[in-house]
Amino acid sequence: MSVYPAPLEHLIQNLSRLPGIGQKSAARVALHILRSPKDLAENLAKSLVDVKEKIRLCSVCFNFTDKDPCAICEDESRANGVLCIVEGPGDQLALEESGAFKGKYHVLHGVLSPLDGVGPEDLKIGELMGRLGREAIQEVILATNPTTEGEATVSFLTKLLSEKGIRISRIALGIPMGGDLKYMDSMTLRHALKSRTLLLP
């Protein structure tokens, strides 16, 4: 038998289904909502419904958007011939927040993972090839995560794109700013050495 009244227990159970929120965190959030003015709960409920009803995939880059095409795809100042390919919308958002990239994006919505039954047809690779036929793309930056699946996706895309006569680059992988070599794993160190930058010829 729960120590909470049924409506509160139901809210806690639903919140604890979200990633990164355990039972205790869910209870804290639920109690905060309960103690807050009613308009917080109403606005939160409206936001949740709006997200489900209004957010969709951009028909060009396949990022989340509330209008189609999205603001980045519509921005002519970003049509510089450089296309950055990422695994998911979260990766695109991280790059965009850095302010370091001023081209356009293509979101794959996953990586190749034969063990999980994810093949090229399950990703937005066909749509990518269609874009390359329509848009004046001169360089593709592969920005998948440095996992086994991410590397397999890079290898597959490199082979596929090599026939298009487009410059292909990969984001540098290795030691993070403020990192300490003695605490790095061997794969990170291997990538860091392979991605080293020439300072003097």
N, C-alpha and C. Protein backbone atom coordinates (compact mmCIF):
# COMPACT_ATOMS: atom_id res chain seq x y z
N MET A 1 0.84 -1.19 0.00
CA MET A 1 0.00 0.00 0.00
C MET A 1 0.88 1.25 0.00
N SER A 2 0.56 2.21 -0.87
CA SER A 2 1.37 3.41 -1.02
C SER A 2 1.16 4.37 0.15
N VAL A 3 2.24 5.11 0.49
CA VAL A 3 2.13 6.13 1.53
C VAL A 3 1.52 7.42 0.98
N TYR A 4 1.45 7.52 -0.36
CA TYR A 4 0.91 8.72 -1.00
C TYR A 4 -0.54 8.50 -1.42
N PRO A 5 -1.35 9.57 -1.46
CA PRO A 5 -2.69 9.45 -2.05
C PRO A 5 -2.58 9.00 -3.50
N ALA A 6 -3.62 8.34 -3.99
CA ALA A 6 -3.58 7.72 -5.33
C ALA A 6 -3.19 8.68 -6.45
N PRO A 7 -3.75 9.91 -6.55
CA PRO A 7 -3.36 10.80 -7.66
C PRO A 7 -1.88 11.17 -7.61
N LEU A 8 -1.37 11.39 -6.38
CA LEU A 8 0.04 11.74 -6.23
C LEU A 8 0.93 10.55 -6.57
N GLU A 9 0.56 9.38 -6.15
CA GLU A 9 1.30 8.16 -6.47
C GLU A 9 1.34 7.94 -7.98
N HIS A 10 0.21 8.20 -8.63
CA HIS A 10 0.13 8.03 -10.09
C HIS A 10 1.09 8.99 -10.79
N LEU A 11 1.16 10.25 -10.30
CA LEU A 11 2.09 11.23 -10.88
C LEU A 11 3.53 10.79 -10.67
N ILE A 12 3.86 10.31 -9.49
CA ILE A 12 5.21 9.84 -9.19
C ILE A 12 5.59 8.68 -10.10
N GLN A 13 4.68 7.74 -10.29
CA GLN A 13 4.96 6.60 -11.17
C GLN A 13 5.23 7.06 -12.60
N ASN A 14 4.42 8.01 -13.10
CA ASN A 14 4.63 8.51 -14.46
C ASN A 14 5.94 9.27 -14.60
N LEU A 15 6.28 10.09 -13.61
CA LEU A 15 7.54 10.84 -13.66
C LEU A 15 8.74 9.90 -13.60
N SER A 16 8.64 8.83 -12.83
CA SER A 16 9.78 7.90 -12.69
C SER A 16 10.02 7.08 -13.95
N ARG A 17 9.09 7.12 -14.90
CA ARG A 17 9.30 6.44 -16.18
C ARG A 17 10.19 7.24 -17.12
N LEU A 18 10.44 8.52 -16.79
CA LEU A 18 11.30 9.36 -17.61
C LEU A 18 12.76 9.00 -17.38
N PRO A 19 13.62 9.13 -18.41
CA PRO A 19 15.03 8.76 -18.26
C PRO A 19 15.73 9.67 -17.26
N GLY A 20 16.53 9.06 -16.40
CA GLY A 20 17.32 9.83 -15.44
C GLY A 20 16.56 10.24 -14.20
N ILE A 21 15.29 9.87 -14.09
CA ILE A 21 14.50 10.23 -12.91
C ILE A 21 14.11 8.95 -12.18
N GLY A 22 14.70 8.76 -11.00
CA GLY A 22 14.37 7.61 -10.18
C GLY A 22 13.15 7.89 -9.31
N GLN A 23 12.82 6.93 -8.47
CA GLN A 23 11.64 7.05 -7.63
C GLN A 23 11.71 8.25 -6.68
N LYS A 24 12.88 8.47 -6.06
CA LYS A 24 13.02 9.59 -5.12
C LYS A 24 12.94 10.93 -5.82
N SER A 25 13.62 11.05 -6.98
CA SER A 25 13.56 12.31 -7.73
C SER A 25 12.14 12.57 -8.21
N ALA A 26 11.46 11.52 -8.65
CA ALA A 26 10.07 11.67 -9.11
C ALA A 26 9.18 12.15 -7.98
N ALA A 27 9.40 11.62 -6.77
CA ALA A 27 8.61 12.05 -5.61
C ALA A 27 8.88 13.51 -5.28
N ARG A 28 10.16 13.94 -5.37
CA ARG A 28 10.51 15.34 -5.11
C ARG A 28 9.82 16.27 -6.10
N VAL A 29 9.87 15.90 -7.41
CA VAL A 29 9.24 16.72 -8.45
C VAL A 29 7.73 16.78 -8.24
N ALA A 30 7.13 15.63 -7.95
CA ALA A 30 5.68 15.57 -7.76
C ALA A 30 5.25 16.42 -6.57
N LEU A 31 5.99 16.36 -5.46
CA LEU A 31 5.66 17.16 -4.29
C LEU A 31 5.85 18.66 -4.56
N HIS A 32 6.85 19.00 -5.37
CA HIS A 32 7.05 20.40 -5.76
C HIS A 32 5.86 20.90 -6.58
N ILE A 33 5.42 20.08 -7.53
CA ILE A 33 4.25 20.45 -8.35
C ILE A 33 3.02 20.62 -7.46
N LEU A 34 2.87 19.73 -6.50
CA LEU A 34 1.71 19.78 -5.60
C LEU A 34 1.71 21.06 -4.76
N ARG A 35 2.88 21.48 -4.30
CA ARG A 35 2.98 22.68 -3.45
C ARG A 35 2.94 23.98 -4.25
N SER A 36 3.21 23.92 -5.55
CA SER A 36 3.27 25.12 -6.39
C SER A 36 1.88 25.59 -6.78
N PRO A 37 1.78 26.85 -7.25
CA PRO A 37 0.48 27.34 -7.73
C PRO A 37 -0.06 26.46 -8.86
N LYS A 38 -1.37 26.45 -9.00
CA LYS A 38 -2.03 25.57 -9.98
C LYS A 38 -1.57 25.85 -11.41
N ASP A 39 -1.21 27.12 -11.70
CA ASP A 39 -0.83 27.46 -13.09
C ASP A 39 0.45 26.75 -13.52
N LEU A 40 1.34 26.37 -12.57
CA LEU A 40 2.53 25.60 -12.94
C LEU A 40 2.12 24.25 -13.53
N ALA A 41 1.20 23.56 -12.85
CA ALA A 41 0.74 22.26 -13.33
C ALA A 41 0.01 22.40 -14.66
N GLU A 42 -0.80 23.45 -14.80
CA GLU A 42 -1.55 23.66 -16.05
C GLU A 42 -0.60 23.95 -17.21
N ASN A 43 0.40 24.81 -16.95
CA ASN A 43 1.37 25.14 -18.01
C ASN A 43 2.21 23.93 -18.38
N LEU A 44 2.58 23.15 -17.38
CA LEU A 44 3.36 21.94 -17.63
C LEU A 44 2.56 20.95 -18.48
N ALA A 45 1.30 20.76 -18.11
CA ALA A 45 0.43 19.85 -18.87
C ALA A 45 0.25 20.33 -20.31
N LYS A 46 0.06 21.65 -20.48
CA LYS A 46 -0.11 22.21 -21.83
C LYS A 46 1.17 22.04 -22.66
N SER A 47 2.32 22.26 -22.01
CA SER A 47 3.60 22.09 -22.72
C SER A 47 3.79 20.66 -23.20
N LEU A 48 3.42 19.69 -22.35
CA LEU A 48 3.55 18.29 -22.73
C LEU A 48 2.66 17.94 -23.92
N VAL A 49 1.44 18.44 -23.90
CA VAL A 49 0.50 18.19 -25.02
C VAL A 49 0.99 18.89 -26.28
N ASP A 50 1.47 20.14 -26.14
CA ASP A 50 1.97 20.90 -27.30
C ASP A 50 3.13 20.19 -27.98
N VAL A 51 4.04 19.64 -27.16
CA VAL A 51 5.20 18.92 -27.71
C VAL A 51 4.74 17.74 -28.56
N LYS A 52 3.77 16.99 -28.06
CA LYS A 52 3.30 15.82 -28.80
C LYS A 52 2.50 16.20 -30.04
N GLU A 53 1.78 17.32 -29.98
CA GLU A 53 0.91 17.70 -31.10
C GLU A 53 1.61 18.56 -32.15
N LYS A 54 2.59 19.39 -31.74
CA LYS A 54 3.14 20.40 -32.65
C LYS A 54 4.54 20.09 -33.17
N ILE A 55 5.30 19.26 -32.47
CA ILE A 55 6.67 18.98 -32.90
C ILE A 55 6.65 17.81 -33.89
N ARG A 56 7.35 18.01 -35.01
CA ARG A 56 7.47 16.96 -36.02
C ARG A 56 8.89 17.00 -36.59
N LEU A 57 9.16 16.14 -37.55
CA LEU A 57 10.48 16.11 -38.18
C LEU A 57 10.50 17.05 -39.37
N CYS A 58 11.59 17.81 -39.49
CA CYS A 58 11.81 18.63 -40.68
C CYS A 58 11.92 17.70 -41.88
N SER A 59 11.26 18.03 -42.97
CA SER A 59 11.28 17.17 -44.15
C SER A 59 12.61 17.23 -44.91
N VAL A 60 13.49 18.15 -44.51
CA VAL A 60 14.80 18.28 -45.18
C VAL A 60 15.89 17.62 -44.36
N CYS A 61 16.07 18.08 -43.09
CA CYS A 61 17.19 17.58 -42.28
C CYS A 61 16.77 16.54 -41.25
N PHE A 62 15.47 16.40 -40.98
CA PHE A 62 14.91 15.42 -40.06
C PHE A 62 15.21 15.72 -38.59
N ASN A 63 15.47 17.00 -38.31
CA ASN A 63 15.57 17.42 -36.92
C ASN A 63 14.17 17.74 -36.42
N PHE A 64 13.98 17.84 -35.10
CA PHE A 64 12.69 18.22 -34.54
C PHE A 64 12.41 19.69 -34.85
N THR A 65 11.18 20.00 -35.20
CA THR A 65 10.81 21.38 -35.52
C THR A 65 9.31 21.57 -35.31
N ASP A 66 8.91 22.83 -35.20
CA ASP A 66 7.48 23.12 -35.12
C ASP A 66 6.98 23.74 -36.42
N LYS A 67 7.90 23.93 -37.39
CA LYS A 67 7.50 24.36 -38.72
C LYS A 67 8.38 23.65 -39.74
N ASP A 68 7.87 23.44 -40.93
CA ASP A 68 8.57 22.66 -41.93
C ASP A 68 8.73 23.46 -43.22
N PRO A 69 9.96 23.67 -43.71
CA PRO A 69 11.23 23.21 -43.14
C PRO A 69 11.62 24.01 -41.90
N CYS A 70 12.61 23.49 -41.17
CA CYS A 70 13.03 24.14 -39.92
C CYS A 70 13.79 25.43 -40.21
N ALA A 71 14.02 26.21 -39.17
CA ALA A 71 14.67 27.52 -39.31
C ALA A 71 16.08 27.40 -39.90
N ILE A 72 16.82 26.36 -39.53
CA ILE A 72 18.19 26.21 -40.05
C ILE A 72 18.16 25.88 -41.53
N CYS A 73 17.27 24.99 -41.95
CA CYS A 73 17.18 24.64 -43.38
C CYS A 73 16.71 25.82 -44.22
N GLU A 74 15.91 26.70 -43.63
CA GLU A 74 15.40 27.87 -44.36
C GLU A 74 16.41 29.00 -44.42
N ASP A 75 17.43 28.97 -43.57
CA ASP A 75 18.40 30.06 -43.47
C ASP A 75 19.39 30.00 -44.63
N GLU A 76 19.23 30.91 -45.59
CA GLU A 76 20.09 30.91 -46.78
C GLU A 76 21.55 31.21 -46.44
N SER A 77 21.79 31.93 -45.34
CA SER A 77 23.17 32.25 -44.97
C SER A 77 23.94 31.00 -44.55
N ARG A 78 23.20 29.91 -44.27
CA ARG A 78 23.85 28.67 -43.87
C ARG A 78 24.03 27.71 -45.05
N ALA A 79 23.60 28.12 -46.22
CA ALA A 79 23.76 27.28 -47.42
C ALA A 79 25.17 27.46 -47.96
N ASN A 80 26.16 27.02 -47.17
CA ASN A 80 27.57 27.22 -47.54
C ASN A 80 28.21 25.96 -48.12
N GLY A 81 27.40 24.97 -48.44
CA GLY A 81 27.92 23.76 -49.06
C GLY A 81 28.47 22.74 -48.09
N VAL A 82 28.32 22.99 -46.77
CA VAL A 82 28.83 22.06 -45.77
C VAL A 82 27.65 21.44 -45.01
N LEU A 83 27.64 20.12 -44.95
CA LEU A 83 26.55 19.39 -44.31
C LEU A 83 27.14 18.52 -43.19
N CYS A 84 26.63 18.70 -41.99
CA CYS A 84 27.10 17.93 -40.83
C CYS A 84 26.09 16.83 -40.52
N ILE A 85 26.56 15.59 -40.49
CA ILE A 85 25.69 14.44 -40.25
C ILE A 85 25.84 14.00 -38.80
N VAL A 86 24.71 13.95 -38.09
CA VAL A 86 24.71 13.58 -36.67
C VAL A 86 23.77 12.40 -36.44
N GLU A 87 23.93 11.75 -35.30
CA GLU A 87 23.09 10.59 -34.97
C GLU A 87 21.67 10.99 -34.62
N GLY A 88 21.52 11.99 -33.76
CA GLY A 88 20.19 12.34 -33.28
C GLY A 88 20.02 13.82 -33.03
N PRO A 89 18.79 14.25 -32.75
CA PRO A 89 18.52 15.67 -32.50
C PRO A 89 19.33 16.24 -31.33
N GLY A 90 19.61 15.44 -30.31
CA GLY A 90 20.41 15.92 -29.18
C GLY A 90 21.82 16.29 -29.59
N ASP A 91 22.39 15.52 -30.53
CA ASP A 91 23.74 15.81 -31.03
C ASP A 91 23.74 17.10 -31.84
N GLN A 92 22.69 17.28 -32.66
CA GLN A 92 22.57 18.52 -33.44
C GLN A 92 22.46 19.72 -32.52
N LEU A 93 21.68 19.59 -31.47
CA LEU A 93 21.49 20.68 -30.52
C LEU A 93 22.81 21.04 -29.83
N ALA A 94 23.59 20.03 -29.45
CA ALA A 94 24.88 20.28 -28.79
C ALA A 94 25.83 21.05 -29.71
N LEU A 95 25.90 20.65 -30.99
CA LEU A 95 26.75 21.36 -31.94
C LEU A 95 26.26 22.78 -32.17
N GLU A 96 24.96 22.94 -32.27
CA GLU A 96 24.38 24.25 -32.52
C GLU A 96 24.63 25.19 -31.34
N GLU A 97 24.51 24.67 -30.12
CA GLU A 97 24.75 25.49 -28.93
C GLU A 97 26.21 25.91 -28.80
N SER A 98 27.12 25.13 -29.38
CA SER A 98 28.54 25.50 -29.33
C SER A 98 28.83 26.73 -30.18
N GLY A 99 27.98 26.97 -31.18
CA GLY A 99 28.18 28.11 -32.08
C GLY A 99 29.32 27.93 -33.06
N ALA A 100 29.91 26.73 -33.10
CA ALA A 100 31.10 26.49 -33.92
C ALA A 100 30.77 26.12 -35.36
N PHE A 101 29.55 25.70 -35.63
CA PHE A 101 29.21 25.23 -36.98
C PHE A 101 28.14 26.12 -37.59
N LYS A 102 28.37 26.56 -38.81
CA LYS A 102 27.45 27.49 -39.47
C LYS A 102 26.88 26.94 -40.79
N GLY A 103 26.97 25.63 -40.97
CA GLY A 103 26.39 25.02 -42.16
C GLY A 103 25.02 24.43 -41.84
N LYS A 104 24.66 23.39 -42.57
CA LYS A 104 23.38 22.71 -42.35
C LYS A 104 23.62 21.31 -41.80
N TYR A 105 22.55 20.68 -41.35
CA TYR A 105 22.65 19.37 -40.68
C TYR A 105 21.81 18.32 -41.41
N HIS A 106 22.15 17.06 -41.11
CA HIS A 106 21.29 15.94 -41.50
C HIS A 106 21.28 14.97 -40.31
N VAL A 107 20.10 14.68 -39.79
CA VAL A 107 19.96 13.82 -38.61
C VAL A 107 19.58 12.40 -39.04
N LEU A 108 20.44 11.44 -38.69
CA LEU A 108 20.22 10.05 -39.10
C LEU A 108 19.15 9.33 -38.28
N HIS A 109 18.94 9.75 -37.06
CA HIS A 109 18.03 9.08 -36.11
C HIS A 109 18.51 7.66 -35.78
N GLY A 110 19.81 7.59 -35.46
CA GLY A 110 20.37 6.32 -35.03
C GLY A 110 21.70 6.04 -35.70
N VAL A 111 22.22 4.85 -35.44
CA VAL A 111 23.46 4.37 -36.05
C VAL A 111 23.27 2.92 -36.46
N LEU A 112 24.12 2.47 -37.35
CA LEU A 112 24.06 1.07 -37.78
C LEU A 112 24.39 0.15 -36.62
N SER A 113 23.54 -0.83 -36.40
CA SER A 113 23.76 -1.79 -35.32
C SER A 113 23.12 -3.13 -35.71
N PRO A 114 23.86 -3.94 -36.48
CA PRO A 114 23.30 -5.22 -36.96
C PRO A 114 22.79 -6.12 -35.83
N LEU A 115 23.46 -6.09 -34.67
CA LEU A 115 23.04 -6.93 -33.55
C LEU A 115 21.65 -6.53 -33.03
N ASP A 116 21.32 -5.24 -33.19
CA ASP A 116 20.00 -4.76 -32.78
C ASP A 116 19.01 -4.70 -33.94
N GLY A 117 19.45 -5.19 -35.10
CA GLY A 117 18.57 -5.20 -36.27
C GLY A 117 18.41 -3.85 -36.93
N VAL A 118 19.38 -2.94 -36.71
CA VAL A 118 19.31 -1.59 -37.33
C VAL A 118 20.24 -1.56 -38.53
N GLY A 119 19.66 -1.49 -39.72
CA GLY A 119 20.42 -1.41 -40.95
C GLY A 119 20.27 -0.06 -41.61
N PRO A 120 20.90 0.14 -42.77
CA PRO A 120 20.84 1.43 -43.47
C PRO A 120 19.41 1.89 -43.77
N GLU A 121 18.53 0.93 -44.03
CA GLU A 121 17.13 1.28 -44.36
C GLU A 121 16.36 1.81 -43.16
N ASP A 122 16.91 1.62 -41.94
CA ASP A 122 16.24 2.10 -40.73
C ASP A 122 16.67 3.52 -40.36
N LEU A 123 17.68 4.04 -41.05
CA LEU A 123 18.18 5.39 -40.80
C LEU A 123 17.80 6.30 -41.96
N LYS A 124 18.09 7.58 -41.81
CA LYS A 124 17.74 8.56 -42.86
C LYS A 124 18.87 8.68 -43.88
N ILE A 125 19.40 7.52 -44.31
CA ILE A 125 20.51 7.50 -45.26
C ILE A 125 20.01 7.70 -46.69
N GLY A 126 18.89 7.08 -47.03
CA GLY A 126 18.30 7.29 -48.36
C GLY A 126 17.95 8.75 -48.57
N GLU A 127 17.41 9.38 -47.54
CA GLU A 127 17.06 10.79 -47.62
C GLU A 127 18.32 11.65 -47.76
N LEU A 128 19.41 11.23 -47.11
CA LEU A 128 20.69 11.94 -47.24
C LEU A 128 21.17 11.91 -48.68
N MET A 129 21.11 10.74 -49.29
CA MET A 129 21.57 10.61 -50.68
C MET A 129 20.71 11.47 -51.61
N GLY A 130 19.42 11.55 -51.31
CA GLY A 130 18.54 12.42 -52.09
C GLY A 130 18.92 13.88 -51.96
N ARG A 131 19.29 14.30 -50.76
CA ARG A 131 19.73 15.68 -50.54
C ARG A 131 20.98 16.00 -51.34
N LEU A 132 21.92 15.06 -51.36
CA LEU A 132 23.17 15.29 -52.09
C LEU A 132 22.92 15.47 -53.57
N GLY A 133 21.85 14.87 -54.08
CA GLY A 133 21.50 15.05 -55.49
C GLY A 133 20.83 16.38 -55.77
N ARG A 134 20.18 16.96 -54.75
CA ARG A 134 19.43 18.21 -54.92
C ARG A 134 20.21 19.46 -54.52
N GLU A 135 21.05 19.34 -53.50
CA GLU A 135 21.72 20.51 -52.93
C GLU A 135 23.19 20.56 -53.37
N ALA A 136 23.73 21.76 -53.35
CA ALA A 136 25.13 21.96 -53.75
C ALA A 136 26.04 21.72 -52.55
N ILE A 137 26.19 20.45 -52.19
CA ILE A 137 27.02 20.08 -51.04
C ILE A 137 28.43 19.77 -51.52
N GLN A 138 29.42 20.47 -50.92
CA GLN A 138 30.82 20.22 -51.27
C GLN A 138 31.56 19.42 -50.21
N GLU A 139 31.09 19.51 -48.96
CA GLU A 139 31.75 18.75 -47.88
C GLU A 139 30.71 18.18 -46.93
N VAL A 140 30.96 16.96 -46.52
CA VAL A 140 30.13 16.30 -45.51
C VAL A 140 31.01 16.05 -44.29
N ILE A 141 30.54 16.52 -43.12
CA ILE A 141 31.25 16.27 -41.87
C ILE A 141 30.50 15.15 -41.14
N LEU A 142 31.19 14.07 -40.85
CA LEU A 142 30.58 12.95 -40.13
C LEU A 142 30.81 13.18 -38.63
N ALA A 143 29.72 13.39 -37.89
CA ALA A 143 29.83 13.72 -36.46
C ALA A 143 29.05 12.71 -35.61
N THR A 144 29.30 11.44 -35.86
CA THR A 144 28.68 10.40 -35.02
C THR A 144 29.51 10.24 -33.75
N ASN A 145 28.95 9.61 -32.76
CA ASN A 145 29.65 9.39 -31.50
C ASN A 145 30.73 8.32 -31.65
N PRO A 146 31.79 8.40 -30.85
CA PRO A 146 32.90 7.44 -30.98
C PRO A 146 32.61 6.11 -30.30
N THR A 147 31.56 5.44 -30.77
CA THR A 147 31.21 4.11 -30.30
C THR A 147 31.46 3.12 -31.43
N THR A 148 31.37 1.84 -31.13
CA THR A 148 31.54 0.83 -32.18
C THR A 148 30.52 1.05 -33.29
N GLU A 149 29.27 1.31 -32.91
CA GLU A 149 28.21 1.53 -33.90
C GLU A 149 28.43 2.84 -34.66
N GLY A 150 28.88 3.87 -33.94
CA GLY A 150 29.16 5.16 -34.59
C GLY A 150 30.26 5.03 -35.62
N GLU A 151 31.32 4.28 -35.27
CA GLU A 151 32.43 4.07 -36.20
C GLU A 151 32.01 3.24 -37.40
N ALA A 152 31.15 2.23 -37.16
CA ALA A 152 30.64 1.42 -38.28
C ALA A 152 29.81 2.28 -39.23
N THR A 153 29.05 3.20 -38.68
CA THR A 153 28.25 4.11 -39.50
C THR A 153 29.13 5.02 -40.31
N VAL A 154 30.21 5.52 -39.71
CA VAL A 154 31.18 6.37 -40.43
C VAL A 154 31.79 5.60 -41.59
N SER A 155 32.20 4.36 -41.34
CA SER A 155 32.81 3.55 -42.41
C SER A 155 31.83 3.33 -43.56
N PHE A 156 30.57 3.00 -43.21
CA PHE A 156 29.55 2.76 -44.23
C PHE A 156 29.31 4.03 -45.06
N LEU A 157 29.14 5.16 -44.37
CA LEU A 157 28.85 6.41 -45.07
C LEU A 157 30.04 6.87 -45.91
N THR A 158 31.26 6.66 -45.41
CA THR A 158 32.45 7.05 -46.17
C THR A 158 32.51 6.30 -47.49
N LYS A 159 32.25 5.00 -47.43
CA LYS A 159 32.25 4.19 -48.66
C LYS A 159 31.14 4.64 -49.61
N LEU A 160 29.97 4.90 -49.06
CA LEU A 160 28.82 5.31 -49.87
C LEU A 160 29.04 6.68 -50.51
N LEU A 161 29.61 7.61 -49.74
CA LEU A 161 29.78 8.98 -50.23
C LEU A 161 31.02 9.14 -51.11
N SER A 162 31.97 8.21 -51.03
CA SER A 162 33.20 8.35 -51.81
C SER A 162 32.93 8.35 -53.31
N GLU A 163 31.80 7.78 -53.71
CA GLU A 163 31.44 7.74 -55.13
C GLU A 163 30.82 9.05 -55.61
N LYS A 164 30.56 9.98 -54.69
CA LYS A 164 29.87 11.22 -55.04
C LYS A 164 30.82 12.37 -55.36
N GLY A 165 32.12 12.18 -55.15
CA GLY A 165 33.08 13.25 -55.41
C GLY A 165 32.95 14.41 -54.44
N ILE A 166 32.53 14.12 -53.22
CA ILE A 166 32.35 15.14 -52.18
C ILE A 166 33.45 14.97 -51.15
N ARG A 167 33.97 16.09 -50.62
CA ARG A 167 34.96 16.00 -49.56
C ARG A 167 34.28 15.46 -48.29
N ILE A 168 34.93 14.48 -47.66
CA ILE A 168 34.37 13.85 -46.46
C ILE A 168 35.34 14.07 -45.32
N SER A 169 34.85 14.58 -44.19
CA SER A 169 35.70 14.75 -43.02
C SER A 169 35.00 14.16 -41.80
N ARG A 170 35.78 13.94 -40.76
CA ARG A 170 35.27 13.35 -39.52
C ARG A 170 35.64 14.29 -38.39
N ILE A 171 34.74 14.55 -37.45
CA ILE A 171 35.11 15.40 -36.33
C ILE A 171 36.26 14.74 -35.57
N ALA A 172 37.15 15.59 -35.03
CA ALA A 172 38.30 15.08 -34.28
C ALA A 172 37.83 14.40 -33.00
N LEU A 173 38.49 13.33 -32.65
CA LEU A 173 38.17 12.58 -31.44
C LEU A 173 39.43 12.50 -30.59
N GLY A 174 39.28 12.57 -29.29
CA GLY A 174 40.46 12.43 -28.45
C GLY A 174 40.31 13.07 -27.09
N ILE A 175 41.39 13.69 -26.61
CA ILE A 175 41.46 14.20 -25.25
C ILE A 175 40.60 15.45 -25.11
N PRO A 176 39.68 15.48 -24.14
CA PRO A 176 38.87 16.69 -23.95
C PRO A 176 39.68 17.80 -23.31
N MET A 177 39.24 19.05 -23.48
CA MET A 177 39.89 20.19 -22.83
C MET A 177 39.86 19.97 -21.32
N GLY A 178 41.00 20.16 -20.69
CA GLY A 178 41.09 19.97 -19.25
C GLY A 178 41.29 18.52 -18.85
N GLY A 179 41.39 17.62 -19.85
CA GLY A 179 41.57 16.19 -19.56
C GLY A 179 42.99 15.87 -19.12
N ASP A 180 43.16 14.71 -18.55
CA ASP A 180 44.46 14.26 -18.05
C ASP A 180 44.78 12.93 -18.73
N LEU A 181 45.94 12.87 -19.43
CA LEU A 181 46.30 11.67 -20.21
C LEU A 181 46.25 10.39 -19.40
N LYS A 182 46.71 10.45 -18.15
CA LYS A 182 46.80 9.21 -17.38
C LYS A 182 45.45 8.62 -17.02
N TYR A 183 44.38 9.41 -17.19
CA TYR A 183 43.04 8.91 -16.88
C TYR A 183 42.24 8.53 -18.13
N MET A 184 42.85 8.66 -19.30
CA MET A 184 42.15 8.37 -20.54
C MET A 184 42.19 6.88 -20.87
N ASP A 185 41.12 6.39 -21.47
CA ASP A 185 41.10 4.98 -21.91
C ASP A 185 41.90 4.84 -23.19
N SER A 186 42.26 3.60 -23.52
CA SER A 186 43.15 3.35 -24.66
C SER A 186 42.52 3.75 -25.99
N MET A 187 41.19 3.59 -26.14
CA MET A 187 40.54 3.97 -27.40
C MET A 187 40.61 5.48 -27.61
N THR A 188 40.39 6.24 -26.54
CA THR A 188 40.47 7.70 -26.62
C THR A 188 41.88 8.13 -27.02
N LEU A 189 42.89 7.50 -26.41
CA LEU A 189 44.27 7.84 -26.74
C LEU A 189 44.61 7.49 -28.18
N ARG A 190 44.12 6.35 -28.66
CA ARG A 190 44.36 5.97 -30.07
C ARG A 190 43.76 7.00 -31.01
N HIS A 191 42.51 7.41 -30.73
CA HIS A 191 41.86 8.42 -31.57
C HIS A 191 42.60 9.76 -31.51
N ALA A 192 43.07 10.12 -30.33
CA ALA A 192 43.79 11.38 -30.17
C ALA A 192 45.07 11.39 -31.00
N LEU A 193 45.78 10.28 -31.03
CA LEU A 193 47.01 10.19 -31.81
C LEU A 193 46.71 10.21 -33.31
N LYS A 194 45.66 9.50 -33.70
CA LYS A 194 45.29 9.49 -35.13
C LYS A 194 44.80 10.85 -35.60
N SER A 195 44.15 11.61 -34.70
CA SER A 195 43.57 12.90 -35.08
C SER A 195 44.49 14.06 -34.73
N ARG A 196 45.78 13.79 -34.52
CA ARG A 196 46.69 14.84 -34.11
C ARG A 196 46.78 15.95 -35.16
N THR A 197 47.09 17.15 -34.70
CA THR A 197 47.18 18.34 -35.57
C THR A 197 48.64 18.71 -35.77
N LEU A 198 49.03 18.96 -37.00
CA LEU A 198 50.39 19.38 -37.33
C LEU A 198 50.56 20.85 -36.97
N LEU A 199 51.51 21.16 -36.09
CA LEU A 199 51.76 22.54 -35.67
C LEU A 199 52.84 23.20 -36.52
N LEU A 200 53.87 22.41 -36.86
CA LEU A 200 54.94 22.91 -37.72
C LEU A 200 55.27 21.83 -38.74
N PRO A 201 55.50 22.19 -40.00
CA PRO A 201 55.83 21.18 -41.02
C PRO A 201 57.21 20.57 -40.77
